[in-house]
Protein backbone atom coordinates (compact mmCIF):
# COMPACT_ATOMS: atom_id res chain seq x y z
CA MET A 1 -7.15 1.26 -7.59
CA LYS A 2 -3.71 1.19 -6.02
CA TYR A 3 -1.54 4.29 -5.76
CA GLU A 4 2.13 4.55 -4.87
CA TYR A 5 4.20 7.53 -3.87
CA LYS A 6 7.50 8.08 -5.61
CA PRO A 7 10.57 7.88 -3.35
CA SER A 8 11.24 11.58 -4.04
CA PHE A 9 7.77 12.44 -2.68
CA ASP A 10 8.37 10.36 0.45
CA LYS A 11 11.73 12.01 1.01
CA THR A 12 10.31 15.52 0.61
CA PHE A 13 7.23 14.68 2.68
CA LYS A 14 9.35 13.55 5.64
CA LYS A 15 11.11 16.93 5.70
CA MET A 16 7.88 18.97 5.76
CA GLU A 17 6.43 20.65 8.82
CA SER A 18 3.34 18.94 10.22
CA ILE A 19 0.95 21.63 8.94
CA ARG A 20 2.27 21.28 5.40
CA LYS A 21 2.05 17.49 5.71
CA GLU A 22 -1.63 17.76 6.60
CA LYS A 23 -2.30 20.04 3.62
CA ALA A 24 -0.38 17.71 1.31
CA LEU A 25 -2.38 14.70 2.50
CA ILE A 26 -5.64 16.57 1.94
CA ALA A 27 -4.55 17.51 -1.59
CA VAL A 28 -3.54 13.91 -2.36
CA SER A 29 -6.87 12.68 -1.03
CA GLN A 30 -8.76 15.15 -3.22
CA LEU A 31 -6.70 14.14 -6.25
CA ILE A 32 -7.47 10.47 -5.66
CA ASP A 33 -11.17 11.33 -5.34
CA PHE A 34 -10.94 13.09 -8.69
CA PHE A 35 -9.30 10.09 -10.35
CA GLU A 36 -11.75 7.57 -8.90
CA MET A 37 -15.07 9.43 -8.88
CA GLY A 38 -14.58 12.41 -11.16
CA VAL A 39 -15.23 14.79 -8.26
CA LYS A 40 -13.15 17.86 -8.95
CA SER A 41 -12.19 19.89 -5.91
CA LYS A 42 -12.00 23.62 -6.51
CA GLY A 43 -8.80 23.86 -4.47
CA LEU A 44 -6.82 21.62 -6.80
CA GLY A 45 -6.92 24.12 -9.65
CA LEU A 46 -7.60 21.46 -12.27
CA LYS A 47 -8.98 22.64 -15.59
CA HIS A 48 -10.07 20.95 -18.79
CA LEU A 49 -7.49 21.52 -21.51
CA ARG A 50 -10.10 20.97 -24.20
CA GLU A 51 -13.80 20.34 -24.49
CA ILE A 52 -14.97 16.84 -23.66
CA TYR A 53 -17.45 15.48 -26.16
């Protein structure tokens, strides 16, 4: 699957300190893993809004 960053994300990302950039990249990586493999990272704070049947 192909993912693209919005220009507003790129602009904000460029202004971040390097430590925050690293954390942001880790979070994006975990989010992509969730989308592709269904592996939910505890640190993302994702929750089911309703029961899945």
